[in-house]
Amino acid sequence: MLIAGWVVILLMGIMLAWLWKSLPPQLPWFYSLPGGEQQLVNKMVLVGILPGTMVILGITRALAGWAGKGDAPVETTLMAGSLLAVGILAAGFFRVMQIFAL
């Protein structure tokens, strides 16, 4: 499961590097906020999301290893939850990239 998380983060980085020059300076990210400038973030925030996600994934892996000593279901559940969170973040990321890739 850990490898799947790293692969998704790697794909996010590749797509960001590939589309970097075509991205506007401000991107819509916070869709839950009212329209306008409140939804926008600087495109550098997307760069910060990648290492932040890697750190969170690493911390979750360490926590799962510690909490799951001798209890594989606990470790598997924590890692599955971490992978789900990375998947949700990646879905939003790829959706924003898709807007500007077309």
PDB file of N, CA and C in Angstrom:
ATOM      1  N   MET A   1       0.814  -1.192   0.000  1.00  0.00           N
ATOM      2  CA  MET A   1       0.000   0.000   0.000  1.00  0.00           C
ATOM      3  C   MET A   1       0.857   1.255   0.000  1.00  0.00           C
ATOM      4  N   LEU A   2       1.968   1.187   0.681  1.00  0.00           N
ATOM      5  CA  LEU A   2       2.848   2.349   0.759  1.00  0.00           C
ATOM      6  C   LEU A   2       3.376   2.715  -0.620  1.00  0.00           C
ATOM      7  N   ILE A   3       3.706   1.725  -1.418  1.00  0.00           N
ATOM      8  CA  ILE A   3       4.226   1.982  -2.766  1.00  0.00           C
ATOM      9  C   ILE A   3       3.174   2.685  -3.613  1.00  0.00           C
ATOM     10  N   ALA A   4       1.922   2.322  -3.462  1.00  0.00           N
ATOM     11  CA  ALA A   4       0.854   2.975  -4.227  1.00  0.00           C
ATOM     12  C   ALA A   4       0.783   4.461  -3.895  1.00  0.00           C
ATOM     13  N   GLY A   5       0.931   4.812  -2.638  1.00  0.00           N
ATOM     14  CA  GLY A   5       0.930   6.219  -2.241  1.00  0.00           C
ATOM     15  C   GLY A   5       2.076   6.985  -2.863  1.00  0.00           C
ATOM     16  N   TRP A   6       3.268   6.392  -2.839  1.00  0.00           N
ATOM     17  CA  TRP A   6       4.435   7.051  -3.430  1.00  0.00           C
ATOM     18  C   TRP A   6       4.287   7.202  -4.938  1.00  0.00           C
ATOM     19  N   VAL A   7       3.696   6.203  -5.587  1.00  0.00           N
ATOM     20  CA  VAL A   7       3.487   6.272  -7.039  1.00  0.00           C
ATOM     21  C   VAL A   7       2.525   7.409  -7.380  1.00  0.00           C
ATOM     22  N   VAL A   8       1.455   7.549  -6.608  1.00  0.00           N
ATOM     23  CA  VAL A   8       0.497   8.628  -6.851  1.00  0.00           C
ATOM     24  C   VAL A   8       1.168   9.986  -6.675  1.00  0.00           C
ATOM     25  N   ILE A   9       1.972  10.142  -5.643  1.00  0.00           N
ATOM     26  CA  ILE A   9       2.676  11.405  -5.415  1.00  0.00           C
ATOM     27  C   ILE A   9       3.663  11.676  -6.544  1.00  0.00           C
ATOM     28  N   LEU A  10       4.349  10.650  -7.003  1.00  0.00           N
ATOM     29  CA  LEU A  10       5.273  10.810  -8.130  1.00  0.00           C
ATOM     30  C   LEU A  10       4.526  11.257  -9.389  1.00  0.00           C
ATOM     31  N   LEU A  11       3.379  10.654  -9.662  1.00  0.00           N
ATOM     32  CA  LEU A  11       2.574  11.056 -10.816  1.00  0.00           C
ATOM     33  C   LEU A  11       2.091  12.501 -10.689  1.00  0.00           C
ATOM     34  N   MET A  12       1.744  12.904  -9.474  1.00  0.00           N
ATOM     35  CA  MET A  12       1.342  14.297  -9.254  1.00  0.00           C
ATOM     36  C   MET A  12       2.495  15.248  -9.577  1.00  0.00           C
ATOM     37  N   GLY A  13       3.692  14.891  -9.139  1.00  0.00           N
ATOM     38  CA  GLY A  13       4.859  15.716  -9.415  1.00  0.00           C
ATOM     39  C   GLY A  13       5.184  15.799 -10.894  1.00  0.00           C
ATOM     40  N   ILE A  14       5.080  14.683 -11.578  1.00  0.00           N
ATOM     41  CA  ILE A  14       5.349  14.669 -13.023  1.00  0.00           C
ATOM     42  C   ILE A  14       4.339  15.537 -13.760  1.00  0.00           C
ATOM     43  N   MET A  15       3.074  15.409 -13.397  1.00  0.00           N
ATOM     44  CA  MET A  15       2.046  16.207 -14.072  1.00  0.00           C
ATOM     45  C   MET A  15       2.233  17.696 -13.777  1.00  0.00           C
ATOM     46  N   LEU A  16       2.581  18.032 -12.541  1.00  0.00           N
ATOM     47  CA  LEU A  16       2.810  19.432 -12.190  1.00  0.00           C
ATOM     48  C   LEU A  16       3.984  20.006 -12.976  1.00  0.00           C
ATOM     49  N   ALA A  17       5.062  19.254 -13.092  1.00  0.00           N
ATOM     50  CA  ALA A  17       6.227  19.723 -13.852  1.00  0.00           C
ATOM     51  C   ALA A  17       5.892  19.866 -15.333  1.00  0.00           C
ATOM     52  N   TRP A  18       5.096  18.952 -15.849  1.00  0.00           N
ATOM     53  CA  TRP A  18       4.737  18.965 -17.266  1.00  0.00           C
ATOM     54  C   TRP A  18       3.858  20.174 -17.611  1.00  0.00           C
ATOM     55  N   LEU A  19       2.944  20.541 -16.704  1.00  0.00           N
ATOM     56  CA  LEU A  19       2.003  21.628 -16.976  1.00  0.00           C
ATOM     57  C   LEU A  19       2.398  22.966 -16.349  1.00  0.00           C
ATOM     58  N   TRP A  20       3.544  23.033 -15.700  1.00  0.00           N
ATOM     59  CA  TRP A  20       3.912  24.208 -14.908  1.00  0.00           C
ATOM     60  C   TRP A  20       3.803  25.514 -15.692  1.00  0.00           C
ATOM     61  N   LYS A  21       4.345  25.577 -16.882  1.00  0.00           N
ATOM     62  CA  LYS A  21       4.358  26.827 -17.651  1.00  0.00           C
ATOM     63  C   LYS A  21       2.966  27.224 -18.137  1.00  0.00           C
ATOM     64  N   SER A  22       2.085  26.279 -18.303  1.00  0.00           N
ATOM     65  CA  SER A  22       0.739  26.608 -18.784  1.00  0.00           C
ATOM     66  C   SER A  22      -0.219  26.958 -17.644  1.00  0.00           C
ATOM     67  N   LEU A  23       0.199  26.775 -16.391  1.00  0.00           N
ATOM     68  CA  LEU A  23      -0.669  27.087 -15.257  1.00  0.00           C
ATOM     69  C   LEU A  23      -0.688  28.595 -14.993  1.00  0.00           C
ATOM     70  N   PRO A  24      -1.859  29.143 -14.676  1.00  0.00           N
ATOM     71  CA  PRO A  24      -1.911  30.552 -14.299  1.00  0.00           C
ATOM     72  C   PRO A  24      -1.318  30.734 -12.896  1.00  0.00           C
ATOM     73  N   PRO A  25      -1.014  31.982 -12.513  1.00  0.00           N
ATOM     74  CA  PRO A  25      -0.420  32.207 -11.186  1.00  0.00           C
ATOM     75  C   PRO A  25      -1.347  31.815 -10.028  1.00  0.00           C
ATOM     76  N   GLN A  26      -2.649  31.917 -10.225  1.00  0.00           N
ATOM     77  CA  GLN A  26      -3.622  31.558  -9.192  1.00  0.00           C
ATOM     78  C   GLN A  26      -4.493  30.414  -9.712  1.00  0.00           C
ATOM     79  N   LEU A  27      -4.692  29.402  -8.872  1.00  0.00           N
ATOM     80  CA  LEU A  27      -5.483  28.227  -9.266  1.00  0.00           C
ATOM     81  C   LEU A  27      -6.645  28.039  -8.300  1.00  0.00           C
ATOM     82  N   PRO A  28      -7.785  27.557  -8.796  1.00  0.00           N
ATOM     83  CA  PRO A  28      -8.896  27.255  -7.879  1.00  0.00           C
ATOM     84  C   PRO A  28      -8.575  25.994  -7.078  1.00  0.00           C
ATOM     85  N   TRP A  29      -8.707  26.054  -5.775  1.00  0.00           N
ATOM     86  CA  TRP A  29      -8.424  24.887  -4.943  1.00  0.00           C
ATOM     87  C   TRP A  29      -9.503  24.674  -3.885  1.00  0.00           C
ATOM     88  N   PHE A  30      -9.954  25.755  -3.262  1.00  0.00           N
ATOM     89  CA  PHE A  30     -10.921  25.648  -2.168  1.00  0.00           C
ATOM     90  C   PHE A  30     -12.334  25.823  -2.709  1.00  0.00           C
ATOM     91  N   TYR A  31     -12.882  24.768  -3.308  1.00  0.00           N
ATOM     92  CA  TYR A  31     -14.197  24.843  -3.929  1.00  0.00           C
ATOM     93  C   TYR A  31     -15.320  24.986  -2.906  1.00  0.00           C
ATOM     94  N   SER A  32     -15.068  24.666  -1.653  1.00  0.00           N
ATOM     95  CA  SER A  32     -16.116  24.763  -0.644  1.00  0.00           C
ATOM     96  C   SER A  32     -16.357  26.206  -0.205  1.00  0.00           C
ATOM     97  N   LEU A  33     -15.436  27.109  -0.525  1.00  0.00           N
ATOM     98  CA  LEU A  33     -15.609  28.513  -0.175  1.00  0.00           C
ATOM     99  C   LEU A  33     -16.442  29.222  -1.235  1.00  0.00           C
ATOM    100  N   PRO A  34     -17.030  30.373  -0.871  1.00  0.00           N
ATOM    101  CA  PRO A  34     -17.779  31.122  -1.883  1.00  0.00           C
ATOM    102  C   PRO A  34     -16.877  31.483  -3.062  1.00  0.00           C
ATOM    103  N   GLY A  35     -17.468  31.686  -4.223  1.00  0.00           N
ATOM    104  CA  GLY A  35     -16.703  31.962  -5.434  1.00  0.00           C
ATOM    105  C   GLY A  35     -15.814  33.182  -5.325  1.00  0.00           C
ATOM    106  N   GLY A  36     -14.937  33.296  -6.283  1.00  0.00           N
ATOM    107  CA  GLY A  36     -14.045  34.444  -6.331  1.00  0.00           C
ATOM    108  C   GLY A  36     -12.659  34.135  -5.821  1.00  0.00           C
ATOM    109  N   GLU A  37     -12.003  35.170  -5.337  1.00  0.00           N
ATOM    110  CA  GLU A  37     -10.607  35.042  -4.936  1.00  0.00           C
ATOM    111  C   GLU A  37     -10.393  34.162  -3.711  1.00  0.00           C
ATOM    112  N   GLN A  38     -11.448  33.920  -2.931  1.00  0.00           N
ATOM    113  CA  GLN A  38     -11.307  33.068  -1.748  1.00  0.00           C
ATOM    114  C   GLN A  38     -10.971  31.625  -2.124  1.00  0.00           C
ATOM    115  N   GLN A  39     -11.328  31.208  -3.321  1.00  0.00           N
ATOM    116  CA  GLN A  39     -11.072  29.837  -3.765  1.00  0.00           C
ATOM    117  C   GLN A  39      -9.668  29.657  -4.328  1.00  0.00           C
ATOM    118  N   LEU A  40      -8.972  30.733  -4.604  1.00  0.00           N
ATOM    119  CA  LEU A  40      -7.711  30.652  -5.331  1.00  0.00           C
ATOM    120  C   LEU A  40      -6.511  30.484  -4.408  1.00  0.00           C
ATOM    121  N   VAL A  41      -5.513  29.756  -4.897  1.00  0.00           N
ATOM    122  CA  VAL A  41      -4.216  29.640  -4.222  1.00  0.00           C
ATOM    123  C   VAL A  41      -3.127  29.878  -5.259  1.00  0.00           C
ATOM    124  N   ASN A  42      -1.980  30.305  -4.782  1.00  0.00           N
ATOM    125  CA  ASN A  42      -0.820  30.474  -5.642  1.00  0.00           C
ATOM    126  C   ASN A  42      -0.384  29.092  -6.137  1.00  0.00           C
ATOM    127  N   LYS A  43       0.122  29.015  -7.350  1.00  0.00           N
ATOM    128  CA  LYS A  43       0.512  27.701  -7.871  1.00  0.00           C
ATOM    129  C   LYS A  43       1.688  27.097  -7.106  1.00  0.00           C
ATOM    130  N   MET A  44       2.424  27.901  -6.360  1.00  0.00           N
ATOM    131  CA  MET A  44       3.503  27.361  -5.525  1.00  0.00           C
ATOM    132  C   MET A  44       2.955  26.500  -4.386  1.00  0.00           C
ATOM    133  N   VAL A  45       1.700  26.730  -4.004  1.00  0.00           N
ATOM    134  CA  VAL A  45       1.081  25.895  -2.965  1.00  0.00           C
ATOM    135  C   VAL A  45       1.021  24.443  -3.425  1.00  0.00           C
ATOM    136  N   LEU A  46       0.788  24.238  -4.716  1.00  0.00           N
ATOM    137  CA  LEU A  46       0.744  22.873  -5.244  1.00  0.00           C
ATOM    138  C   LEU A  46       2.104  22.189  -5.118  1.00  0.00           C
ATOM    139  N   VAL A  47       3.160  22.975  -5.252  1.00  0.00           N
ATOM    140  CA  VAL A  47       4.505  22.414  -5.061  1.00  0.00           C
ATOM    141  C   VAL A  47       4.685  21.987  -3.609  1.00  0.00           C
ATOM    142  N   GLY A  48       4.148  22.772  -2.674  1.00  0.00           N
ATOM    143  CA  GLY A  48       4.246  22.442  -1.251  1.00  0.00           C
ATOM    144  C   GLY A  48       3.401  21.252  -0.853  1.00  0.00           C
ATOM    145  N   ILE A  49       2.351  20.985  -1.610  1.00  0.00           N
ATOM    146  CA  ILE A  49       1.483  19.851  -1.296  1.00  0.00           C
ATOM    147  C   ILE A  49       2.232  18.533  -1.471  1.00  0.00           C
ATOM    148  N   LEU A  50       3.109  18.461  -2.458  1.00  0.00           N
ATOM    149  CA  LEU A  50       3.815  17.196  -2.731  1.00  0.00           C
ATOM    150  C   LEU A  50       4.707  16.757  -1.570  1.00  0.00           C
ATOM    151  N   PRO A  51       5.659  17.598  -1.106  1.00  0.00           N
ATOM    152  CA  PRO A  51       6.462  17.137   0.035  1.00  0.00           C
ATOM    153  C   PRO A  51       5.642  16.996   1.314  1.00  0.00           C
ATOM    154  N   GLY A  52       4.616  17.833   1.462  1.00  0.00           N
ATOM    155  CA  GLY A  52       3.751  17.698   2.633  1.00  0.00           C
ATOM    156  C   GLY A  52       3.045  16.358   2.659  1.00  0.00           C
ATOM    157  N   THR A  53       2.588  15.929   1.509  1.00  0.00           N
ATOM    158  CA  THR A  53       1.926  14.634   1.408  1.00  0.00           C
ATOM    159  C   THR A  53       2.908  13.498   1.674  1.00  0.00           C
ATOM    160  N   MET A  54       4.140  13.643   1.192  1.00  0.00           N
ATOM    161  CA  MET A  54       5.149  12.614   1.453  1.00  0.00           C
ATOM    162  C   MET A  54       5.451  12.517   2.945  1.00  0.00           C
ATOM    163  N   VAL A  55       5.538  13.652   3.629  1.00  0.00           N
ATOM    164  CA  VAL A  55       5.803  13.641   5.071  1.00  0.00           C
ATOM    165  C   VAL A  55       4.646  12.978   5.810  1.00  0.00           C
ATOM    166  N   ILE A  56       3.427  13.351   5.464  1.00  0.00           N
ATOM    167  CA  ILE A  56       2.257  12.755   6.118  1.00  0.00           C
ATOM    168  C   ILE A  56       2.206  11.252   5.874  1.00  0.00           C
ATOM    169  N   LEU A  57       2.512  10.827   4.662  1.00  0.00           N
ATOM    170  CA  LEU A  57       2.524   9.399   4.342  1.00  0.00           C
ATOM    171  C   LEU A  57       3.599   8.673   5.157  1.00  0.00           C
ATOM    172  N   GLY A  58       4.776   9.282   5.296  1.00  0.00           N
ATOM    173  CA  GLY A  58       5.846   8.677   6.096  1.00  0.00           C
ATOM    174  C   GLY A  58       5.495   8.595   7.570  1.00  0.00           C
ATOM    175  N   ILE A  59       4.897   9.669   8.104  1.00  0.00           N
ATOM    176  CA  ILE A  59       4.489   9.663   9.515  1.00  0.00           C
ATOM    177  C   ILE A  59       3.418   8.609   9.751  1.00  0.00           C
ATOM    178  N   THR A  60       2.480   8.516   8.829  1.00  0.00           N
ATOM    179  CA  THR A  60       1.427   7.512   8.962  1.00  0.00           C
ATOM    180  C   THR A  60       2.007   6.104   8.915  1.00  0.00           C
ATOM    181  N   ARG A  61       2.992   5.894   8.059  1.00  0.00           N
ATOM    182  CA  ARG A  61       3.642   4.573   7.979  1.00  0.00           C
ATOM    183  C   ARG A  61       4.342   4.239   9.294  1.00  0.00           C
ATOM    184  N   ALA A  62       5.043   5.215   9.847  1.00  0.00           N
ATOM    185  CA  ALA A  62       5.718   4.981  11.130  1.00  0.00           C
ATOM    186  C   ALA A  62       4.704   4.715  12.239  1.00  0.00           C
ATOM    187  N   LEU A  63       3.625   5.486  12.257  1.00  0.00           N
ATOM    188  CA  LEU A  63       2.578   5.286  13.257  1.00  0.00           C
ATOM    189  C   LEU A  63       1.912   3.929  13.096  1.00  0.00           C
ATOM    190  N   ALA A  64       1.678   3.526  11.865  1.00  0.00           N
ATOM    191  CA  ALA A  64       1.060   2.219  11.617  1.00  0.00           C
ATOM    192  C   ALA A  64       1.981   1.089  12.066  1.00  0.00           C
ATOM    193  N   GLY A  65       3.280   1.255  11.821  1.00  0.00           N
ATOM    194  CA  GLY A  65       4.228   0.238  12.269  1.00  0.00           C
ATOM    195  C   GLY A  65       4.282   0.136  13.783  1.00  0.00           C
ATOM    196  N   TRP A  66       4.203   1.292  14.451  1.00  0.00           N
ATOM    197  CA  TRP A  66       4.244   1.307  15.914  1.00  0.00           C
ATOM    198  C   TRP A  66       2.950   0.757  16.504  1.00  0.00           C
ATOM    199  N   ALA A  67       1.817   1.207  15.981  1.00  0.00           N
ATOM    200  CA  ALA A  67       0.522   0.787  16.531  1.00  0.00           C
ATOM    201  C   ALA A  67       0.182  -0.647  16.155  1.00  0.00           C
ATOM    202  N   GLY A  68       0.723  -1.126  15.041  1.00  0.00           N
ATOM    203  CA  GLY A  68       0.358  -2.447  14.558  1.00  0.00           C
ATOM    204  C   GLY A  68       1.300  -3.550  14.962  1.00  0.00           C
ATOM    205  N   LYS A  69       2.185  -3.300  15.934  1.00  0.00           N
ATOM    206  CA  LYS A  69       3.102  -4.360  16.375  1.00  0.00           C
ATOM    207  C   LYS A  69       2.312  -5.561  16.856  1.00  0.00           C
ATOM    208  N   GLY A  70       2.428  -6.631  16.112  1.00  0.00           N
ATOM    209  CA  GLY A  70       1.727  -7.851  16.477  1.00  0.00           C
ATOM    210  C   GLY A  70       0.250  -7.839  16.111  1.00  0.00           C
ATOM    211  N   ASP A  71      -0.205  -6.782  15.466  1.00  0.00           N
ATOM    212  CA  ASP A  71      -1.626  -6.689  15.109  1.00  0.00           C
ATOM    213  C   ASP A  71      -1.741  -6.161  13.684  1.00  0.00           C
ATOM    214  N   ALA A  72      -1.676  -7.066  12.724  1.00  0.00           N
ATOM    215  CA  ALA A  72      -1.673  -6.692  11.306  1.00  0.00           C
ATOM    216  C   ALA A  72      -2.927  -5.937  10.869  1.00  0.00           C
ATOM    217  N   PRO A  73      -4.121  -6.255  11.377  1.00  0.00           N
ATOM    218  CA  PRO A  73      -5.297  -5.491  10.938  1.00  0.00           C
ATOM    219  C   PRO A  73      -5.215  -3.998  11.285  1.00  0.00           C
ATOM    220  N   VAL A  74      -4.619  -3.673  12.416  1.00  0.00           N
ATOM    221  CA  VAL A  74      -4.473  -2.264  12.796  1.00  0.00           C
ATOM    222  C   VAL A  74      -3.550  -1.561  11.818  1.00  0.00           C
ATOM    223  N   GLU A  75      -2.420  -2.181  11.527  1.00  0.00           N
ATOM    224  CA  GLU A  75      -1.471  -1.593  10.591  1.00  0.00           C
ATOM    225  C   GLU A  75      -2.094  -1.438   9.202  1.00  0.00           C
ATOM    226  N   THR A  76      -2.791  -2.451   8.748  1.00  0.00           N
ATOM    227  CA  THR A  76      -3.434  -2.409   7.433  1.00  0.00           C
ATOM    228  C   THR A  76      -4.505  -1.330   7.383  1.00  0.00           C
ATOM    229  N   THR A  77      -5.280  -1.193   8.444  1.00  0.00           N
ATOM    230  CA  THR A  77      -6.335  -0.182   8.485  1.00  0.00           C
ATOM    231  C   THR A  77      -5.751   1.223   8.445  1.00  0.00           C
ATOM    232  N   LEU A  78      -4.701   1.468   9.201  1.00  0.00           N
ATOM    233  CA  LEU A  78      -4.067   2.792   9.193  1.00  0.00           C
ATOM    234  C   LEU A  78      -3.475   3.116   7.826  1.00  0.00           C
ATOM    235  N   MET A  79      -2.832   2.152   7.215  1.00  0.00           N
ATOM    236  CA  MET A  79      -2.244   2.396   5.899  1.00  0.00           C
ATOM    237  C   MET A  79      -3.326   2.583   4.830  1.00  0.00           C
ATOM    238  N   ALA A  80      -4.416   1.849   4.944  1.00  0.00           N
ATOM    239  CA  ALA A  80      -5.514   2.018   3.985  1.00  0.00           C
ATOM    240  C   ALA A  80      -6.138   3.402   4.132  1.00  0.00           C
ATOM    241  N   GLY A  81      -6.286   3.873   5.356  1.00  0.00           N
ATOM    242  CA  GLY A  81      -6.805   5.220   5.584  1.00  0.00           C
ATOM    243  C   GLY A  81      -5.878   6.286   5.021  1.00  0.00           C
ATOM    244  N   SER A  82      -4.581   6.077   5.188  1.00  0.00           N
ATOM    245  CA  SER A  82      -3.599   7.006   4.629  1.00  0.00           C
ATOM    246  C   SER A  82      -3.657   7.021   3.113  1.00  0.00           C
ATOM    247  N   LEU A  83      -3.767   5.854   2.520  1.00  0.00           N
ATOM    248  CA  LEU A  83      -3.859   5.759   1.063  1.00  0.00           C
ATOM    249  C   LEU A  83      -5.143   6.398   0.557  1.00  0.00           C
ATOM    250  N   LEU A  84      -6.227   6.253   1.293  1.00  0.00           N
ATOM    251  CA  LEU A  84      -7.495   6.891   0.928  1.00  0.00           C
ATOM    252  C   LEU A  84      -7.344   8.417   0.950  1.00  0.00           C
ATOM    253  N   ALA A  85      -6.688   8.944   1.976  1.00  0.00           N
ATOM    254  CA  ALA A  85      -6.482  10.388   2.064  1.00  0.00           C
ATOM    255  C   ALA A  85      -5.627  10.893   0.908  1.00  0.00           C
ATOM    256  N   VAL A  86      -4.571  10.167   0.572  1.00  0.00           N
ATOM    257  CA  VAL A  86      -3.726  10.547  -0.569  1.00  0.00           C
ATOM    258  C   VAL A  86      -4.532  10.477  -1.858  1.00  0.00           C
ATOM    259  N   GLY A  87      -5.388   9.482  -1.991  1.00  0.00           N
ATOM    260  CA  GLY A  87      -6.222   9.352  -3.180  1.00  0.00           C
ATOM    261  C   GLY A  87      -7.197  10.511  -3.337  1.00  0.00           C
ATOM    262  N   ILE A  88      -7.796  10.943  -2.246  1.00  0.00           N
ATOM    263  CA  ILE A  88      -8.724  12.074  -2.300  1.00  0.00           C
ATOM    264  C   ILE A  88      -7.983  13.350  -2.673  1.00  0.00           C
ATOM    265  N   LEU A  89      -6.816  13.566  -2.070  1.00  0.00           N
ATOM    266  CA  LEU A  89      -6.006  14.736  -2.411  1.00  0.00           C
ATOM    267  C   LEU A  89      -5.587  14.687  -3.877  1.00  0.00           C
ATOM    268  N   ALA A  90      -5.183  13.515  -4.341  1.00  0.00           N
ATOM    269  CA  ALA A  90      -4.761  13.363  -5.734  1.00  0.00           C
ATOM    270  C   ALA A  90      -5.921  13.598  -6.694  1.00  0.00           C
ATOM    271  N   ALA A  91      -7.119  13.168  -6.333  1.00  0.00           N
ATOM    272  CA  ALA A  91      -8.285  13.388  -7.201  1.00  0.00           C
ATOM    273  C   ALA A  91      -8.534  14.879  -7.387  1.00  0.00           C
ATOM    274  N   GLY A  92      -8.465  15.641  -6.313  1.00  0.00           N
ATOM    275  CA  GLY A  92      -8.623  17.090  -6.425  1.00  0.00           C
ATOM    276  C   GLY A  92      -7.503  17.720  -7.226  1.00  0.00           C
ATOM    277  N   PHE A  93      -6.289  17.255  -6.988  1.00  0.00           N
ATOM    278  CA  PHE A  93      -5.122  17.769  -7.703  1.00  0.00           C
ATOM    279  C   PHE A  93      -5.251  17.524  -9.203  1.00  0.00           C
ATOM    280  N   PHE A  94      -5.558  16.286  -9.581  1.00  0.00           N
ATOM    281  CA  PHE A  94      -5.670  15.948 -11.000  1.00  0.00           C
ATOM    282  C   PHE A  94      -6.853  16.669 -11.652  1.00  0.00           C
ATOM    283  N   ARG A  95      -7.903  16.919 -10.884  1.00  0.00           N
ATOM    284  CA  ARG A  95      -9.044  17.652 -11.435  1.00  0.00           C
ATOM    285  C   ARG A  95      -8.650  19.093 -11.762  1.00  0.00           C
ATOM    286  N   VAL A  96      -7.925  19.740 -10.874  1.00  0.00           N
ATOM    287  CA  VAL A  96      -7.467  21.113 -11.134  1.00  0.00           C
ATOM    288  C   VAL A  96      -6.502  21.123 -12.319  1.00  0.00           C
ATOM    289  N   MET A  97      -5.617  20.140 -12.386  1.00  0.00           N
ATOM    290  CA  MET A  97      -4.680  20.076 -13.514  1.00  0.00           C
ATOM    291  C   MET A  97      -5.425  19.832 -14.828  1.00  0.00           C
ATOM    292  N   GLN A  98      -6.478  19.043 -14.780  1.00  0.00           N
ATOM    293  CA  GLN A  98      -7.248  18.731 -15.978  1.00  0.00           C
ATOM    294  C   GLN A  98      -7.911  19.993 -16.544  1.00  0.00           C
ATOM    295  N   ILE A  99      -8.317  20.897 -15.682  1.00  0.00           N
ATOM    296  CA  ILE A  99      -8.936  22.145 -16.135  1.00  0.00           C
ATOM    297  C   ILE A  99      -7.984  22.917 -17.041  1.00  0.00           C
ATOM    298  N   PHE A 100      -6.708  22.940 -16.687  1.00  0.00           N
ATOM    299  CA  PHE A 100      -5.742  23.742 -17.429  1.00  0.00           C
ATOM    300  C   PHE A 100      -4.986  22.957 -18.486  1.00  0.00           C
ATOM    301  N   ALA A 101      -5.139  21.639 -18.507  1.00  0.00           N
ATOM    302  CA  ALA A 101      -4.451  20.823 -19.505  1.00  0.00           C
ATOM    303  C   ALA A 101      -5.175  20.838 -20.845  1.00  0.00           C
ATOM    304  N   LEU A 102      -6.444  21.125 -20.818  1.00  0.00           N
ATOM    305  CA  LEU A 102      -7.230  21.077 -22.055  1.00  0.00           C
ATOM    306  C   LEU A 102      -7.100  22.312 -22.844  1.00  0.00           C
TER     307      LEU A 102
END
